[in-house]
Protein backbone atom coordinates (compact mmCIF):
# COMPACT_ATOMS: atom_id res chain seq x y z
CA MET A 1 -113.57 -179.53 93.96
CA ALA A 2 -113.69 -175.80 94.83
CA VAL A 3 -113.14 -173.99 97.61
CA ARG A 4 -114.94 -171.03 97.81
CA HIS A 5 -113.73 -168.65 100.81
CA ARG A 6 -115.82 -166.22 101.71
CA MET A 7 -114.44 -162.88 102.90
CA SER A 8 -114.80 -161.39 105.86
CA ARG A 9 -116.55 -157.90 106.42
CA ARG A 10 -114.14 -155.50 108.38
CA PRO A 11 -116.40 -152.86 110.45
CA SER A 12 -115.98 -149.42 109.37
CA PRO A 13 -114.60 -147.08 112.01
CA GLU A 14 -117.47 -145.09 112.54
CA ALA A 15 -118.92 -149.19 113.56
CA ALA A 16 -116.17 -149.83 115.25
CA SER A 17 -116.43 -147.24 117.83
CA PRO A 18 -119.40 -145.62 120.07
CA PRO A 19 -119.80 -141.69 118.32
CA ALA A 20 -117.45 -139.98 121.62
CA VAL A 21 -119.92 -138.45 124.44
CA ARG A 22 -119.13 -135.10 124.63
CA ARG A 23 -117.91 -134.06 127.97
CA LYS A 24 -120.58 -131.76 130.54
CA LEU A 25 -119.70 -127.75 130.54
CA GLY A 26 -117.48 -127.46 133.95
CA VAL A 27 -119.30 -123.84 135.42
CA VAL A 28 -117.15 -121.84 138.00
CA LEU A 29 -119.76 -119.98 139.90
CA ILE A 30 -117.86 -116.88 142.12
CA ASP A 31 -120.77 -115.07 143.71
CA PRO A 32 -120.42 -112.72 147.10
CA LEU A 33 -124.46 -113.95 147.36
CA PRO A 34 -124.94 -116.47 149.33
CA VAL A 35 -128.56 -117.48 147.80
CA VAL A 36 -127.52 -116.66 144.60
CA ARG A 37 -125.03 -119.05 144.67
CA ALA A 38 -127.48 -122.09 145.82
CA GLY A 39 -130.28 -120.77 142.38
CA LEU A 40 -127.17 -120.82 140.51
CA SER A 41 -126.31 -123.87 141.42
CA LEU A 42 -129.60 -126.06 140.79
CA LEU A 43 -130.14 -124.31 137.39
CA VAL A 44 -127.07 -124.95 135.99
CA ASP A 45 -127.28 -128.57 137.31
CA GLU A 46 -130.33 -129.58 136.66
CA ARG A 47 -128.68 -129.27 132.41
CA PRO A 48 -127.87 -131.94 131.43
CA ASP A 49 -124.64 -130.95 129.28
CA MET A 50 -123.70 -128.65 132.25
CA GLU A 51 -122.27 -128.90 135.67
CA ILE A 52 -121.04 -126.90 138.87
CA LEU A 53 -117.65 -127.49 138.98
CA ALA A 54 -117.10 -125.31 142.36
CA GLU A 55 -117.73 -122.27 144.28
CA ALA A 56 -116.71 -119.58 145.87
CA GLY A 57 -117.90 -116.33 147.54
CA ASP A 58 -114.85 -114.16 147.12
CA GLY A 59 -111.96 -113.73 144.27
CA LEU A 60 -109.40 -115.07 146.15
CA ASP A 61 -110.93 -118.59 146.65
CA GLY A 62 -112.64 -117.81 143.22
CA VAL A 63 -108.46 -118.10 142.18
CA ASP A 64 -107.93 -120.83 144.78
CA ALA A 65 -110.55 -123.27 143.65
CA LEU A 66 -110.14 -122.17 139.82
CA ALA A 67 -106.27 -123.74 139.89
CA ARG A 68 -108.12 -126.70 141.06
CA VAL A 69 -110.41 -127.51 138.52
CA ARG A 70 -108.19 -130.07 136.25
CA ARG A 71 -111.01 -129.46 133.11
CA SER A 72 -110.41 -127.46 129.38
CA ARG A 73 -113.46 -126.41 128.16
CA VAL A 74 -114.94 -124.14 132.15
CA VAL A 75 -117.25 -120.62 132.01
CA VAL A 76 -116.31 -119.24 135.53
CA LEU A 77 -119.48 -116.61 136.21
CA VAL A 78 -118.24 -114.06 138.06
CA GLY A 79 -120.62 -111.56 140.27
CA LEU A 80 -120.00 -107.37 140.08
CA GLY A 81 -121.20 -107.35 143.55
CA LEU A 82 -117.75 -108.89 144.49
CA GLU A 83 -115.51 -106.03 146.41
CA GLY A 84 -112.65 -105.17 148.03
CA GLU A 85 -109.26 -105.51 147.19
CA HIS A 86 -110.19 -108.87 145.68
CA ASP A 87 -113.63 -107.46 143.36
CA ALA A 88 -114.67 -108.31 140.44
CA SER A 89 -112.87 -106.10 138.33
CA TRP A 90 -109.41 -108.21 140.33
CA LEU A 91 -110.79 -111.63 139.82
CA ILE A 92 -111.21 -111.33 135.77
CA ARG A 93 -108.19 -109.72 135.33
CA THR A 94 -106.13 -112.66 137.27
CA VAL A 95 -108.65 -115.28 135.66
CA ARG A 96 -107.55 -114.10 132.44
CA GLU A 97 -103.80 -113.98 133.00
CA ARG A 98 -104.09 -117.42 134.91
CA PHE A 99 -106.96 -119.78 132.24
CA PRO A 100 -106.63 -117.57 129.37
CA SER A 101 -108.50 -120.68 128.07
CA HIS A 102 -111.23 -120.58 130.33
CA ALA A 103 -114.38 -117.70 129.21
CA ILE A 104 -115.30 -115.05 131.96
CA LEU A 105 -119.37 -114.50 131.91
CA ALA A 106 -119.73 -110.76 134.42
CA MET A 107 -123.55 -111.49 136.32
CA GLY A 108 -125.19 -108.50 138.00
CA ALA A 109 -128.43 -107.31 138.74
CA ASN A 110 -129.21 -103.63 136.26
CA ALA A 111 -125.46 -102.93 136.76
CA ASP A 112 -124.69 -99.30 135.29
CA PRO A 113 -122.95 -99.60 131.72
CA THR A 114 -120.05 -98.55 133.40
CA MET A 115 -119.24 -101.59 134.99
CA VAL A 116 -120.08 -103.70 132.75
CA SER A 117 -117.96 -101.52 130.58
CA ARG A 118 -115.02 -101.90 133.03
CA ALA A 119 -115.83 -105.98 133.44
CA LEU A 120 -115.36 -106.43 129.60
CA PHE A 121 -112.43 -104.38 129.47
CA VAL A 122 -109.81 -106.09 131.64
CA GLY A 123 -110.83 -109.75 130.20
CA ALA A 124 -115.04 -110.57 130.02
CA ASP A 125 -116.50 -112.39 127.34
CA GLY A 126 -119.70 -111.44 128.62
CA TYR A 127 -122.69 -110.19 130.81
CA VAL A 128 -125.54 -112.23 131.85
CA ASP A 129 -128.43 -110.23 133.71
CA LYS A 130 -129.85 -112.01 137.02
CA ASN A 131 -132.90 -110.41 136.24
CA VAL A 132 -133.31 -112.49 132.31
CA ASP A 133 -135.32 -115.55 131.87
CA PRO A 134 -133.38 -118.28 133.16
CA GLY A 135 -133.79 -120.30 129.80
CA ASP A 136 -131.59 -116.87 128.72
CA PHE A 137 -129.51 -116.90 131.16
CA LEU A 138 -128.35 -120.72 130.71
CA GLY A 139 -128.09 -119.66 126.80
CA ALA A 140 -125.82 -116.33 127.90
CA ILE A 141 -123.36 -119.35 129.25
CA ILE A 142 -123.93 -121.33 126.29
CA LYS A 143 -121.95 -119.32 124.43
CA VAL A 144 -119.12 -117.57 125.99
CA ALA A 145 -118.76 -121.21 126.29
CA ASP A 146 -118.50 -120.68 122.36
CA ARG A 147 -116.26 -117.92 122.41
CA GLU A 148 -119.47 -115.98 121.05
CA MET A 149 -119.26 -112.30 123.13
CA VAL A 150 -122.60 -111.92 124.75
CA LEU A 151 -125.11 -109.17 126.62
CA GLN A 152 -127.33 -110.13 128.02
CA GLY A 153 -130.42 -108.19 129.86
CA PRO A 154 -131.43 -104.32 129.73
CA VAL A 155 -127.87 -103.62 129.42
CA ALA A 156 -128.28 -104.55 126.02
CA THR A 157 -129.51 -100.97 124.87
CA ALA A 158 -126.48 -99.67 126.43
CA VAL A 159 -124.85 -101.26 123.90
CA GLY A 160 -122.92 -97.56 122.60
CA GLN A 161 -122.63 -96.30 126.22
CA ILE A 162 -120.59 -99.34 126.19
CA ALA A 163 -117.80 -99.62 123.73
CA ASP A 164 -117.54 -95.43 124.60
CA SER A 165 -116.51 -96.00 128.69
CA ILE A 166 -113.76 -99.32 126.75
CA ASP A 167 -112.28 -96.23 124.66
CA LEU A 168 -112.02 -93.72 126.61
CA ARG A 169 -110.74 -96.08 129.08
CA ARG A 170 -107.89 -96.99 126.46
CA ASP A 171 -107.63 -93.18 126.30
CA LEU A 172 -106.38 -93.24 129.65
CA ASP A 173 -104.63 -96.26 130.19
CA VAL A 174 -102.70 -94.19 127.88
CA ARG A 175 -102.65 -90.97 128.88
CA LEU A 176 -102.35 -91.86 132.92
CA THR A 177 -98.85 -93.86 134.31
CA GLY A 178 -99.57 -97.02 137.09
CA ARG A 179 -99.21 -95.44 140.12
CA GLU A 180 -101.97 -92.21 138.60
CA ARG A 181 -104.28 -94.38 137.95
CA GLU A 182 -104.08 -95.65 141.43
CA VAL A 183 -104.13 -92.64 143.13
CA LEU A 184 -107.49 -91.55 140.94
CA ALA A 185 -109.12 -95.24 142.43
CA VAL A 186 -108.44 -94.03 145.59
CA ALA A 187 -109.37 -90.96 145.33
CA ALA A 188 -112.68 -92.22 144.57
CA GLU A 189 -113.52 -93.58 147.40
CA GLY A 190 -113.10 -89.77 148.68
CA LEU A 191 -110.40 -89.89 151.30
CA THR A 192 -108.46 -87.24 151.50
CA ALA A 193 -104.74 -85.90 150.24
CA ARG A 194 -103.41 -86.96 153.73
CA GLN A 195 -105.42 -90.23 153.76
CA ILE A 196 -104.41 -91.50 149.90
CA ALA A 197 -100.72 -91.16 151.40
CA MET A 198 -100.97 -92.72 154.13
CA ARG A 199 -102.76 -95.62 152.31
CA LEU A 200 -100.30 -95.39 149.32
CA GLY A 201 -96.77 -95.56 151.43
CA VAL A 202 -95.48 -92.38 150.14
CA ARG A 203 -95.83 -88.26 151.15
CA GLU A 204 -99.00 -86.66 151.23
CA ARG A 205 -96.93 -84.07 148.32
CA THR A 206 -96.09 -86.92 146.35
CA VAL A 207 -100.00 -87.51 146.42
CA THR A 208 -101.27 -83.93 145.76
CA THR A 209 -98.67 -84.19 143.17
CA HIS A 210 -99.76 -86.21 141.19
CA LEU A 211 -103.43 -84.88 141.72
CA GLY A 212 -102.32 -82.23 140.06
CA ARG A 213 -100.62 -84.01 136.77
CA ILE A 214 -103.75 -86.21 135.79
CA TYR A 215 -106.15 -83.43 136.44
CA GLY A 216 -103.50 -81.73 133.85
CA LYS A 217 -103.62 -84.69 131.60
CA LEU A 218 -107.58 -84.86 131.58
CA GLY A 219 -108.21 -81.40 130.81
CA VAL A 220 -110.09 -81.19 133.81
CA GLY A 221 -110.09 -78.55 137.10
CA ASN A 222 -110.57 -80.22 139.65
CA ARG A 223 -110.72 -83.48 141.30
CA LEU A 224 -114.71 -84.12 141.16
CA SER A 225 -113.96 -83.75 137.40
CA ALA A 226 -111.17 -86.66 136.80
CA ILE A 227 -113.11 -88.92 139.08
CA ARG A 228 -116.11 -88.66 137.14
CA MET A 229 -114.66 -88.70 133.77
CA ALA A 230 -112.34 -91.70 135.52
CA ALA A 231 -116.32 -92.99 136.45
CA ARG A 232 -117.57 -93.16 132.99
CA SER A 233 -114.76 -94.80 131.20
CA GLY A 234 -114.83 -97.14 134.19
CA MET A 235 -111.42 -97.18 135.23
CA VAL A 236 -112.54 -96.89 139.26
CA SER A 237 -115.52 -98.19 140.91
CA VAL A 238 -118.37 -95.32 142.89
CA GLY A 239 -121.07 -97.85 143.36
CA SER A 240 -121.72 -101.49 143.22
CA ALA A 241 -123.71 -104.14 141.94
CA GLU A 242 -125.39 -107.15 143.29
């Protein structure tokens, strides 16, 4: 009598293992205003595919918080209202250098195009205005996470001006030395040559020499004109964004 053997059918790899669930997109929020942080945290956490990993109110705390994050897919929201020595530009540059895999989205309220260009120049992947629709804000986060360039809000109409500012900034970075850029940044605060010297720990005569060279390299005749050109490029900040 012949014996028939039933051949067992092996499940396909697709049937053997359930489909992989994509991990939530991690968001680190750094903004000086507690109310803004609270509101954005609620907005982000309402999304099933996003979660807030950490919050901070200043640049240094923000870097410390990022150092504790153990994720490869992270979007860092940076408020342009961060001021002082560790302002938004410092933070964006630091995040880009120390955490190159993270996406950076700058945010502000009706920010001046030069401030936006400065953020983009130092490493931000995009800018979103806090006045946009909540859905558009969340969409901007998704786009930068996918490495898309984002300009969301009123500033989007100033793309040409932003591009020109970035080109000017590159030009000034080539023309001026690091020390000259530092002197110009402090001069933009309205300090006298003596006060600049005290701030930088150099002689007053050294400061006046640097300023003279700056004027010559930029083709201007005075400090105000030099500051205006640097501000237009986003190299120095003469205002703030919320």
